[in-house]
Amino acid sequence: MPGYVLSCCSTADLTHEWLERRDIKYLLFNYFLDGRPCKDDFGATNSPAELYAKMLAGADAKTSQISAGDYMAHFEQFLAKGLDVVHVTLSSGISGTYNSACAARDQLAEKYPQQRVYVVDSLAASSGYGLLMDKLADLRDDGMGAAELVDWANEHKGEVQHWFFSSDLTFFIRGGRISKAAGLVGGMLKICPVMDVAPDGSLAVKEKIRTKAKAQKRIVEKMVELADGGLDYSGKCFISQSECLDDAREVARQVEATFPHLDGKVEIFDIGATIGVHTGPGTVALFFWGKKRA
C-alpha cells in the first residue's frame, strides 16, 4: 500500500459510503441556516428536501469554508502515523478553501519534516470534483506514488467537463448571479441557463436555453462535442442534482442511449448543502472526461 492518504472535502458531492469504499478520507464543509451552524454531511443534518424547503420558506442560508485549523487537525492525524497526505480541494475559483489548506500545510511542515502534505486545487466542483477523486483513487490503487499522483492531477484536472442547467432561478437571483430583471424575464420565458466551469475554476453562463427539455438535450450535446473519444467515450459519467431526480434520470437516460461504451451506468448523486445553498433546487449537472477546458 502507498505510504500516503488521499483526501478531499464533502463538496465532492459523492456519498459517505462511496468515499469509505474508495478509501478516500474527507472533511465536512460548514454552512449556517438562520445563524445555526450545520455540517455539509451528505444530508445527515438536513436532507436536500428539508434544506430547500427551509430556504424557499425564507431561511437565511450561508456557506462557510473549512478553516486552516480544521485542516491542520485533519492532516495531523495522518502525519503523526508517518503518512503523507494528498489533499484535493474544491475549486479556488469558487472558494478560498485551497488557501486555507495551503496555510495548514505550511504550518505543519516544521513539525513533521519527514512527511509531506500535498495540496491540489481541483478547479472542479460538486460531482465533477468527485469524478476527479474517483480517477485519483484508481491511480493510487494501481500503485502510483504521492508526488506522481499530484503531477497527474495538476496535468489532467482541466479535462473534467462540467455542464449544468437550472430550471429554478430563485437562488441564482437571490445570490446575485442573475439580476432580478433577467430572472423575471427568464422565468416567464422558461429559460434554463446552461453553465460550465471555466479553466480558472469559476462558474460561467454559456447559453440561455428555453425549456428544461431543451436544456437537458443541450448538455448531452455538449458531451458529444467534448467527451474524450466522442461517441466512443468509454470513461465514467457522474450527474449531481438538487431535488430534481426525475430530470437527472432523464439526462442519464439520454447519455446512456448516446454513449454505448460508457464505463458502467451513469451514477447520480445529490448536490450537497454547500453547493446547494447557492443553486437551490432544480439544478442538474453532468460530468465526464473530455477536452481540456479552454
C-alpha atoms as a PDB file:
ATOM      1  CA  MET A   1       0.000   0.000   0.000  1.00  0.00           C
ATOM      2  CA  PRO A   2       1.263   3.535  -0.716  1.00  0.00           C
ATOM      3  CA  GLY A   3       2.548   5.493   2.254  1.00  0.00           C
ATOM      4  CA  TYR A   4       0.032   8.277   1.876  1.00  0.00           C
ATOM      5  CA  VAL A   5      -3.662   9.002   2.214  1.00  0.00           C
ATOM      6  CA  LEU A   6      -5.893  10.524  -0.442  1.00  0.00           C
ATOM      7  CA  SER A   7      -8.235  13.174   0.894  1.00  0.00           C
ATOM      8  CA  CYS A   8     -10.928  15.614  -0.234  1.00  0.00           C
ATOM      9  CA  CYS A   9     -13.839  17.639   1.155  1.00  0.00           C
ATOM     10  CA  SER A  10     -17.538  16.825   1.303  1.00  0.00           C
ATOM     11  CA  THR A  11     -18.079  19.294  -1.556  1.00  0.00           C
ATOM     12  CA  ALA A  12     -17.038  16.494  -3.942  1.00  0.00           C
ATOM     13  CA  ASP A  13     -20.758  15.624  -3.640  1.00  0.00           C
ATOM     14  CA  LEU A  14     -20.441  11.855  -3.544  1.00  0.00           C
ATOM     15  CA  THR A  15     -21.671   9.893  -0.515  1.00  0.00           C
ATOM     16  CA  HIS A  16     -20.165   8.839   2.795  1.00  0.00           C
ATOM     17  CA  GLU A  17     -20.402   5.199   1.698  1.00  0.00           C
ATOM     18  CA  TRP A  18     -18.800   5.879  -1.675  1.00  0.00           C
ATOM     19  CA  LEU A  19     -15.809   7.650  -0.109  1.00  0.00           C
ATOM     20  CA  GLU A  20     -15.408   4.939   2.515  1.00  0.00           C
ATOM     21  CA  ARG A  21     -15.485   2.245  -0.148  1.00  0.00           C
ATOM     22  CA  ARG A  22     -12.788   4.016  -2.177  1.00  0.00           C
ATOM     23  CA  ASP A  23     -10.701   4.694   0.959  1.00  0.00           C
ATOM     24  CA  ILE A  24     -10.764   8.453   0.465  1.00  0.00           C
ATOM     25  CA  LYS A  25     -10.559  10.496   3.658  1.00  0.00           C
ATOM     26  CA  TYR A  26     -12.588  13.679   3.860  1.00  0.00           C
ATOM     27  CA  LEU A  27     -13.541  16.805   5.803  1.00  0.00           C
ATOM     28  CA  LEU A  28     -17.019  18.272   6.070  1.00  0.00           C
ATOM     29  CA  PHE A  29     -17.714  21.796   4.865  1.00  0.00           C
ATOM     30  CA  ASN A  30     -19.858  24.091   7.026  1.00  0.00           C
ATOM     31  CA  TYR A  31     -22.921  26.236   6.450  1.00  0.00           C
ATOM     32  CA  PHE A  32     -25.283  28.339   8.527  1.00  0.00           C
ATOM     33  CA  LEU A  33     -29.066  28.117   8.441  1.00  0.00           C
ATOM     34  CA  ASP A  34     -30.694  31.108  10.144  1.00  0.00           C
ATOM     35  CA  GLY A  35     -27.437  31.568  12.033  1.00  0.00           C
ATOM     36  CA  ARG A  36     -27.281  27.961  13.240  1.00  0.00           C
ATOM     37  CA  PRO A  37     -24.057  26.146  12.301  1.00  0.00           C
ATOM     38  CA  CYS A  38     -24.553  22.974  10.273  1.00  0.00           C
ATOM     39  CA  LYS A  39     -22.286  20.454   8.598  1.00  0.00           C
ATOM     40  CA  ASP A  40     -22.381  19.644   4.898  1.00  0.00           C
ATOM     41  CA  ASP A  41     -22.569  15.966   5.837  1.00  0.00           C
ATOM     42  CA  PHE A  42     -24.219  14.289   2.841  1.00  0.00           C
ATOM     43  CA  GLY A  43     -27.679  15.252   4.041  1.00  0.00           C
ATOM     44  CA  ALA A  44     -27.452  13.798   7.551  1.00  0.00           C
ATOM     45  CA  THR A  45     -28.177  17.157   9.253  1.00  0.00           C
ATOM     46  CA  ASN A  46     -30.666  18.422   6.681  1.00  0.00           C
ATOM     47  CA  SER A  47     -31.744  16.257   3.762  1.00  0.00           C
ATOM     48  CA  PRO A  48     -31.781  18.107   0.427  1.00  0.00           C
ATOM     49  CA  ALA A  49     -35.592  18.251   0.542  1.00  0.00           C
ATOM     50  CA  GLU A  50     -35.521  19.721   4.063  1.00  0.00           C
ATOM     51  CA  LEU A  51     -32.794  22.232   3.198  1.00  0.00           C
ATOM     52  CA  TYR A  52     -34.527  23.573   0.087  1.00  0.00           C
ATOM     53  CA  ALA A  53     -37.918  23.699   1.800  1.00  0.00           C
ATOM     54  CA  LYS A  54     -36.408  25.843   4.545  1.00  0.00           C
ATOM     55  CA  MET A  55     -34.651  28.067   2.007  1.00  0.00           C
ATOM     56  CA  LEU A  56     -37.807  28.521  -0.048  1.00  0.00           C
ATOM     57  CA  ALA A  57     -39.651  29.413   3.168  1.00  0.00           C
ATOM     58  CA  GLY A  58     -37.163  32.251   3.699  1.00  0.00           C
ATOM     59  CA  ALA A  59     -34.425  30.738   5.869  1.00  0.00           C
ATOM     60  CA  ASP A  60     -31.109  32.569   5.590  1.00  0.00           C
ATOM     61  CA  ALA A  61     -28.508  30.079   4.311  1.00  0.00           C
ATOM     62  CA  LYS A  62     -24.816  30.924   4.126  1.00  0.00           C
ATOM     63  CA  THR A  63     -21.759  28.780   3.479  1.00  0.00           C
ATOM     64  CA  SER A  64     -18.551  28.706   5.493  1.00  0.00           C
ATOM     65  CA  GLN A  65     -15.333  27.175   4.213  1.00  0.00           C
ATOM     66  CA  ILE A  66     -13.070  24.891   6.230  1.00  0.00           C
ATOM     67  CA  SER A  67     -10.603  26.784   8.419  1.00  0.00           C
ATOM     68  CA  ALA A  68      -6.837  26.322   8.403  1.00  0.00           C
ATOM     69  CA  GLY A  69      -7.142  24.962  11.947  1.00  0.00           C
ATOM     70  CA  ASP A  70      -9.593  22.279  10.849  1.00  0.00           C
ATOM     71  CA  TYR A  71      -7.271  21.318   8.019  1.00  0.00           C
ATOM     72  CA  MET A  72      -4.355  21.086  10.443  1.00  0.00           C
ATOM     73  CA  ALA A  73      -6.267  18.701  12.700  1.00  0.00           C
ATOM     74  CA  HIS A  74      -7.279  16.592   9.699  1.00  0.00           C
ATOM     75  CA  PHE A  75      -3.779  16.393   8.226  1.00  0.00           C
ATOM     76  CA  GLU A  76      -2.025  15.829  11.529  1.00  0.00           C
ATOM     77  CA  GLN A  77      -3.894  12.606  12.321  1.00  0.00           C
ATOM     78  CA  PHE A  78      -2.149  11.046   9.321  1.00  0.00           C
ATOM     79  CA  LEU A  79       1.208  12.785   9.594  1.00  0.00           C
ATOM     80  CA  ALA A  80       1.527  11.544  13.183  1.00  0.00           C
ATOM     81  CA  LYS A  81       1.285   7.996  11.812  1.00  0.00           C
ATOM     82  CA  GLY A  82       4.117   8.593   9.364  1.00  0.00           C
ATOM     83  CA  LEU A  83       1.845   9.009   6.347  1.00  0.00           C
ATOM     84  CA  ASP A  84       1.956  11.694   3.679  1.00  0.00           C
ATOM     85  CA  VAL A  85      -1.295  13.366   2.592  1.00  0.00           C
ATOM     86  CA  VAL A  86      -2.559  14.214  -0.868  1.00  0.00           C
ATOM     87  CA  HIS A  87      -5.491  16.565  -0.327  1.00  0.00           C
ATOM     88  CA  VAL A  88      -7.587  17.846  -3.214  1.00  0.00           C
ATOM     89  CA  THR A  89      -9.710  20.940  -2.586  1.00  0.00           C
ATOM     90  CA  LEU A  90     -12.852  22.450  -4.027  1.00  0.00           C
ATOM     91  CA  SER A  91     -12.046  24.865  -6.869  1.00  0.00           C
ATOM     92  CA  SER A  92     -10.270  28.065  -5.865  1.00  0.00           C
ATOM     93  CA  GLY A  93     -12.493  29.762  -8.435  1.00  0.00           C
ATOM     94  CA  ILE A  94     -15.496  29.453  -6.122  1.00  0.00           C
ATOM     95  CA  SER A  95     -13.982  29.062  -2.642  1.00  0.00           C
ATOM     96  CA  GLY A  96     -10.991  30.170  -0.582  1.00  0.00           C
ATOM     97  CA  THR A  97     -10.558  26.700   0.893  1.00  0.00           C
ATOM     98  CA  TYR A  98      -7.447  25.974  -1.202  1.00  0.00           C
ATOM     99  CA  ASN A  99      -5.641  28.833   0.564  1.00  0.00           C
ATOM    100  CA  SER A 100      -6.713  27.518   3.975  1.00  0.00           C
ATOM    101  CA  ALA A 101      -5.396  24.049   3.146  1.00  0.00           C
ATOM    102  CA  CYS A 102      -2.085  25.507   1.957  1.00  0.00           C
ATOM    103  CA  ALA A 103      -1.770  27.550   5.168  1.00  0.00           C
ATOM    104  CA  ALA A 104      -2.315  24.388   7.221  1.00  0.00           C
ATOM    105  CA  ARG A 105       0.274  22.517   5.149  1.00  0.00           C
ATOM    106  CA  ASP A 106       2.846  25.246   5.712  1.00  0.00           C
ATOM    107  CA  GLN A 107       2.239  25.394   9.470  1.00  0.00           C
ATOM    108  CA  LEU A 108       2.718  21.634   9.812  1.00  0.00           C
ATOM    109  CA  ALA A 109       5.854  21.396   7.673  1.00  0.00           C
ATOM    110  CA  GLU A 110       8.275  22.224  10.501  1.00  0.00           C
ATOM    111  CA  LYS A 111       6.661  19.850  12.991  1.00  0.00           C
ATOM    112  CA  TYR A 112       6.682  16.916  10.548  1.00  0.00           C
ATOM    113  CA  PRO A 113       9.832  17.360   8.421  1.00  0.00           C
ATOM    114  CA  GLN A 114       9.809  13.713   7.315  1.00  0.00           C
ATOM    115  CA  GLN A 115       6.253  13.862   5.927  1.00  0.00           C
ATOM    116  CA  ARG A 116       4.644  15.834   3.125  1.00  0.00           C
ATOM    117  CA  VAL A 117       1.220  17.365   2.681  1.00  0.00           C
ATOM    118  CA  TYR A 118       0.414  17.943  -0.975  1.00  0.00           C
ATOM    119  CA  VAL A 119      -2.480  20.286  -1.726  1.00  0.00           C
ATOM    120  CA  VAL A 120      -4.119  20.190  -5.160  1.00  0.00           C
ATOM    121  CA  ASP A 121      -6.615  22.785  -6.380  1.00  0.00           C
ATOM    122  CA  SER A 122      -9.172  20.652  -8.243  1.00  0.00           C
ATOM    123  CA  LEU A 123     -10.521  23.590 -10.287  1.00  0.00           C
ATOM    124  CA  ALA A 124     -13.674  21.472 -10.105  1.00  0.00           C
ATOM    125  CA  ALA A 125     -16.919  21.391  -8.167  1.00  0.00           C
ATOM    126  CA  SER A 126     -19.651  19.047  -6.983  1.00  0.00           C
ATOM    127  CA  SER A 127     -19.504  15.568  -8.515  1.00  0.00           C
ATOM    128  CA  GLY A 128     -17.044  16.811 -11.142  1.00  0.00           C
ATOM    129  CA  TYR A 129     -14.647  17.161  -8.218  1.00  0.00           C
ATOM    130  CA  GLY A 130     -15.871  13.689  -7.268  1.00  0.00           C
ATOM    131  CA  LEU A 131     -15.093  12.325 -10.741  1.00  0.00           C
ATOM    132  CA  LEU A 132     -11.519  13.568 -10.360  1.00  0.00           C
ATOM    133  CA  MET A 133     -11.264  11.894  -6.949  1.00  0.00           C
ATOM    134  CA  ASP A 134     -12.527   8.641  -8.461  1.00  0.00           C
ATOM    135  CA  LYS A 135      -9.721   8.647 -11.034  1.00  0.00           C
ATOM    136  CA  LEU A 136      -7.079   9.546  -8.455  1.00  0.00           C
ATOM    137  CA  ALA A 137      -8.241   6.653  -6.279  1.00  0.00           C
ATOM    138  CA  ASP A 138      -7.850   4.327  -9.287  1.00  0.00           C
ATOM    139  CA  LEU A 139      -4.307   5.550  -9.907  1.00  0.00           C
ATOM    140  CA  ARG A 140      -3.415   5.228  -6.223  1.00  0.00           C
ATOM    141  CA  ASP A 141      -4.798   1.681  -6.185  1.00  0.00           C
ATOM    142  CA  ASP A 142      -2.639   0.895  -9.217  1.00  0.00           C
ATOM    143  CA  GLY A 143       0.421   1.863  -7.176  1.00  0.00           C
ATOM    144  CA  MET A 144       1.088   5.458  -8.198  1.00  0.00           C
ATOM    145  CA  GLY A 145       3.100   7.372  -5.592  1.00  0.00           C
ATOM    146  CA  ALA A 146       2.026  10.624  -3.983  1.00  0.00           C
ATOM    147  CA  ALA A 147       4.244  13.030  -5.940  1.00  0.00           C
ATOM    148  CA  GLU A 148       3.426  11.369  -9.252  1.00  0.00           C
ATOM    149  CA  LEU A 149      -0.287  11.414  -8.399  1.00  0.00           C
ATOM    150  CA  VAL A 150      -0.131  15.143  -7.689  1.00  0.00           C
ATOM    151  CA  ASP A 151       1.632  15.763 -11.002  1.00  0.00           C
ATOM    152  CA  TRP A 152      -1.027  13.710 -12.813  1.00  0.00           C
ATOM    153  CA  ALA A 153      -3.836  15.611 -11.101  1.00  0.00           C
ATOM    154  CA  ASN A 154      -2.385  19.004 -11.995  1.00  0.00           C
ATOM    155  CA  GLU A 155      -1.840  17.925 -15.593  1.00  0.00           C
ATOM    156  CA  HIS A 156      -5.271  16.397 -16.189  1.00  0.00           C
ATOM    157  CA  LYS A 157      -7.755  18.084 -13.823  1.00  0.00           C
ATOM    158  CA  GLY A 158      -8.813  20.542 -16.533  1.00  0.00           C
ATOM    159  CA  GLU A 159     -10.129  17.612 -18.561  1.00  0.00           C
ATOM    160  CA  VAL A 160     -13.097  17.127 -16.209  1.00  0.00           C
ATOM    161  CA  GLN A 161     -16.028  18.666 -18.057  1.00  0.00           C
ATOM    162  CA  HIS A 162     -18.857  20.291 -16.077  1.00  0.00           C
ATOM    163  CA  TRP A 163     -22.134  21.129 -17.852  1.00  0.00           C
ATOM    164  CA  PHE A 164     -25.245  22.018 -15.916  1.00  0.00           C
ATOM    165  CA  PHE A 165     -28.531  23.864 -16.063  1.00  0.00           C
ATOM    166  CA  SER A 166     -31.108  25.137 -13.604  1.00  0.00           C
ATOM    167  CA  SER A 167     -34.863  25.212 -14.048  1.00  0.00           C
ATOM    168  CA  ASP A 168     -35.343  27.322 -10.899  1.00  0.00           C
ATOM    169  CA  LEU A 169     -33.543  30.673 -10.866  1.00  0.00           C
ATOM    170  CA  THR A 170     -34.699  31.744  -7.384  1.00  0.00           C
ATOM    171  CA  PHE A 171     -31.384  31.356  -5.612  1.00  0.00           C
ATOM    172  CA  PHE A 172     -29.256  32.419  -8.545  1.00  0.00           C
ATOM    173  CA  ILE A 173     -31.177  35.706  -8.329  1.00  0.00           C
ATOM    174  CA  ARG A 174     -31.006  35.855  -4.535  1.00  0.00           C
ATOM    175  CA  GLY A 175     -27.240  35.282  -4.637  1.00  0.00           C
ATOM    176  CA  GLY A 176     -26.720  37.985  -7.253  1.00  0.00           C
ATOM    177  CA  ARG A 177     -25.556  35.637 -10.017  1.00  0.00           C
ATOM    178  CA  ILE A 178     -28.552  36.636 -12.125  1.00  0.00           C
ATOM    179  CA  SER A 179     -30.219  40.057 -11.910  1.00  0.00           C
ATOM    180  CA  LYS A 180     -33.809  40.296 -10.710  1.00  0.00           C
ATOM    181  CA  ALA A 181     -34.895  41.703 -14.071  1.00  0.00           C
ATOM    182  CA  ALA A 182     -33.168  38.941 -16.023  1.00  0.00           C
ATOM    183  CA  GLY A 183     -34.584  36.379 -13.619  1.00  0.00           C
ATOM    184  CA  LEU A 184     -38.124  37.690 -14.056  1.00  0.00           C
ATOM    185  CA  VAL A 185     -37.852  37.546 -17.838  1.00  0.00           C
ATOM    186  CA  GLY A 186     -36.149  34.165 -17.667  1.00  0.00           C
ATOM    187  CA  GLY A 187     -38.926  32.772 -15.513  1.00  0.00           C
ATOM    188  CA  MET A 188     -41.652  33.976 -17.856  1.00  0.00           C
ATOM    189  CA  LEU A 189     -39.858  32.551 -20.895  1.00  0.00           C
ATOM    190  CA  LYS A 190     -38.938  29.304 -19.100  1.00  0.00           C
ATOM    191  CA  ILE A 191     -35.264  29.963 -19.700  1.00  0.00           C
ATOM    192  CA  CYS A 192     -32.788  27.496 -18.226  1.00  0.00           C
ATOM    193  CA  PRO A 193     -29.234  28.882 -18.185  1.00  0.00           C
ATOM    194  CA  VAL A 194     -26.666  26.325 -19.342  1.00  0.00           C
ATOM    195  CA  MET A 195     -23.410  26.796 -17.451  1.00  0.00           C
ATOM    196  CA  ASP A 196     -19.972  25.265 -17.152  1.00  0.00           C
ATOM    197  CA  VAL A 197     -16.844  25.614 -15.045  1.00  0.00           C
ATOM    198  CA  ALA A 198     -14.228  27.796 -16.712  1.00  0.00           C
ATOM    199  CA  PRO A 199     -10.499  26.907 -16.879  1.00  0.00           C
ATOM    200  CA  ASP A 200      -9.867  29.019 -13.762  1.00  0.00           C
ATOM    201  CA  GLY A 201     -12.477  27.041 -11.833  1.00  0.00           C
ATOM    202  CA  SER A 202     -15.138  29.747 -11.787  1.00  0.00           C
ATOM    203  CA  LEU A 203     -18.735  29.345 -12.973  1.00  0.00           C
ATOM    204  CA  ALA A 204     -19.732  30.717 -16.370  1.00  0.00           C
ATOM    205  CA  VAL A 205     -23.131  31.029 -18.061  1.00  0.00           C
ATOM    206  CA  LYS A 206     -22.669  29.768 -21.627  1.00  0.00           C
ATOM    207  CA  GLU A 207     -26.151  29.672 -23.142  1.00  0.00           C
ATOM    208  CA  LYS A 208     -29.738  30.557 -22.283  1.00  0.00           C
ATOM    209  CA  ILE A 209     -31.999  27.736 -23.375  1.00  0.00           C
ATOM    210  CA  ARG A 210     -35.797  27.914 -23.455  1.00  0.00           C
ATOM    211  CA  THR A 211     -37.440  24.965 -21.678  1.00  0.00           C
ATOM    212  CA  LYS A 212     -35.969  22.309 -19.468  1.00  0.00           C
ATOM    213  CA  ALA A 213     -36.271  19.581 -22.098  1.00  0.00           C
ATOM    214  CA  LYS A 214     -34.056  21.545 -24.499  1.00  0.00           C
ATOM    215  CA  ALA A 215     -31.535  22.226 -21.715  1.00  0.00           C
ATOM    216  CA  GLN A 216     -31.365  18.508 -20.939  1.00  0.00           C
ATOM    217  CA  LYS A 217     -30.712  17.760 -24.583  1.00  0.00           C
ATOM    218  CA  ARG A 218     -28.136  20.554 -24.849  1.00  0.00           C
ATOM    219  CA  ILE A 219     -25.851  19.320 -22.088  1.00  0.00           C
ATOM    220  CA  VAL A 220     -25.865  15.855 -23.664  1.00  0.00           C
ATOM    221  CA  GLU A 221     -24.940  17.515 -26.984  1.00  0.00           C
ATOM    222  CA  LYS A 222     -22.020  19.192 -25.212  1.00  0.00           C
ATOM    223  CA  MET A 223     -20.884  15.751 -24.070  1.00  0.00           C
ATOM    224  CA  VAL A 224     -20.998  14.519 -27.686  1.00  0.00           C
ATOM    225  CA  GLU A 225     -18.901  17.531 -28.681  1.00  0.00           C
ATOM    226  CA  LEU A 226     -16.351  17.429 -25.882  1.00  0.00           C
ATOM    227  CA  ALA A 227     -16.102  13.894 -24.458  1.00  0.00           C
ATOM    228  CA  ASP A 228     -12.843  12.010 -24.814  1.00  0.00           C
ATOM    229  CA  GLY A 229     -13.407   9.857 -27.893  1.00  0.00           C
ATOM    230  CA  GLY A 230     -16.707  11.474 -28.814  1.00  0.00           C
ATOM    231  CA  LEU A 231     -19.462   8.897 -29.195  1.00  0.00           C
ATOM    232  CA  ASP A 232     -16.918   6.185 -28.348  1.00  0.00           C
ATOM    233  CA  TYR A 233     -16.398   7.663 -24.876  1.00  0.00           C
ATOM    234  CA  SER A 234     -15.570   4.795 -22.534  1.00  0.00           C
ATOM    235  CA  GLY A 235     -14.993   6.640 -19.272  1.00  0.00           C
ATOM    236  CA  LYS A 236     -17.273   7.217 -16.319  1.00  0.00           C
ATOM    237  CA  CYS A 237     -20.069   9.756 -16.159  1.00  0.00           C
ATOM    238  CA  PHE A 238     -21.434  11.337 -12.978  1.00  0.00           C
ATOM    239  CA  ILE A 239     -24.515  13.511 -12.518  1.00  0.00           C
ATOM    240  CA  SER A 240     -25.432  15.586  -9.473  1.00  0.00           C
ATOM    241  CA  GLN A 241     -28.855  17.092  -8.877  1.00  0.00           C
ATOM    242  CA  SER A 242     -30.682  19.319  -6.424  1.00  0.00           C
ATOM    243  CA  GLU A 243     -34.122  17.889  -5.656  1.00  0.00           C
ATOM    244  CA  CYS A 244     -34.970  17.140  -9.295  1.00  0.00           C
ATOM    245  CA  LEU A 245     -34.159  13.443  -9.543  1.00  0.00           C
ATOM    246  CA  ASP A 246     -36.515  12.793 -12.460  1.00  0.00           C
ATOM    247  CA  ASP A 247     -34.717  15.448 -14.514  1.00  0.00           C
ATOM    248  CA  ALA A 248     -31.351  13.886 -13.655  1.00  0.00           C
ATOM    249  CA  ARG A 249     -32.612  10.444 -14.603  1.00  0.00           C
ATOM    250  CA  GLU A 250     -33.754  11.768 -17.984  1.00  0.00           C
ATOM    251  CA  VAL A 251     -30.282  13.190 -18.667  1.00  0.00           C
ATOM    252  CA  ALA A 252     -28.752   9.873 -17.582  1.00  0.00           C
ATOM    253  CA  ARG A 253     -31.097   8.027 -19.933  1.00  0.00           C
ATOM    254  CA  GLN A 254     -30.066  10.223 -22.850  1.00  0.00           C
ATOM    255  CA  VAL A 255     -26.368   9.811 -22.030  1.00  0.00           C
ATOM    256  CA  GLU A 256     -26.617   6.026 -21.804  1.00  0.00           C
ATOM    257  CA  ALA A 257     -28.536   5.895 -25.092  1.00  0.00           C
ATOM    258  CA  THR A 258     -25.966   8.094 -26.828  1.00  0.00           C
ATOM    259  CA  PHE A 259     -22.736   6.588 -25.457  1.00  0.00           C
ATOM    260  CA  PRO A 260     -22.864   2.771 -25.692  1.00  0.00           C
ATOM    261  CA  HIS A 261     -19.315   2.256 -24.399  1.00  0.00           C
ATOM    262  CA  LEU A 262     -19.638   4.016 -21.023  1.00  0.00           C
ATOM    263  CA  ASP A 263     -17.740   2.532 -18.100  1.00  0.00           C
ATOM    264  CA  GLY A 264     -20.826   1.345 -16.222  1.00  0.00           C
ATOM    265  CA  LYS A 265     -24.100   3.149 -15.669  1.00  0.00           C
ATOM    266  CA  VAL A 266     -24.279   6.886 -15.117  1.00  0.00           C
ATOM    267  CA  GLU A 267     -24.054   7.497 -11.362  1.00  0.00           C
ATOM    268  CA  ILE A 268     -26.390  10.113  -9.876  1.00  0.00           C
ATOM    269  CA  PHE A 269     -25.575  11.958  -6.638  1.00  0.00           C
ATOM    270  CA  ASP A 270     -27.218  14.714  -4.596  1.00  0.00           C
ATOM    271  CA  ILE A 271     -25.791  18.207  -4.769  1.00  0.00           C
ATOM    272  CA  GLY A 272     -24.606  18.844  -1.223  1.00  0.00           C
ATOM    273  CA  ALA A 273     -25.540  21.722   1.027  1.00  0.00           C
ATOM    274  CA  THR A 274     -22.506  23.897   0.228  1.00  0.00           C
ATOM    275  CA  ILE A 275     -23.239  23.999  -3.490  1.00  0.00           C
ATOM    276  CA  GLY A 276     -26.998  23.677  -2.993  1.00  0.00           C
ATOM    277  CA  VAL A 277     -27.205  26.820  -0.862  1.00  0.00           C
ATOM    278  CA  HIS A 278     -26.161  28.746  -3.985  1.00  0.00           C
ATOM    279  CA  THR A 279     -28.138  26.805  -6.614  1.00  0.00           C
ATOM    280  CA  GLY A 280     -31.300  25.953  -4.739  1.00  0.00           C
ATOM    281  CA  PRO A 281     -33.483  23.180  -6.186  1.00  0.00           C
ATOM    282  CA  GLY A 282     -33.780  22.423  -9.893  1.00  0.00           C
ATOM    283  CA  THR A 283     -30.134  22.074 -10.944  1.00  0.00           C
ATOM    284  CA  VAL A 284     -28.785  19.115 -12.925  1.00  0.00           C
ATOM    285  CA  ALA A 285     -25.039  18.844 -13.542  1.00  0.00           C
ATOM    286  CA  LEU A 286     -23.313  16.449 -15.956  1.00  0.00           C
ATOM    287  CA  PHE A 287     -19.645  15.470 -15.549  1.00  0.00           C
ATOM    288  CA  PHE A 288     -17.353  13.492 -17.827  1.00  0.00           C
ATOM    289  CA  TRP A 289     -13.744  13.341 -19.057  1.00  0.00           C
ATOM    290  CA  GLY A 290     -13.079  15.306 -22.207  1.00  0.00           C
ATOM    291  CA  LYS A 291     -11.079  18.027 -23.875  1.00  0.00           C
ATOM    292  CA  LYS A 292      -9.140  20.302 -21.558  1.00  0.00           C
ATOM    293  CA  ARG A 293     -11.322  23.268 -20.647  1.00  0.00           C
ATOM    294  CA  ALA A 294     -10.431  26.357 -22.649  1.00  0.00           C
END
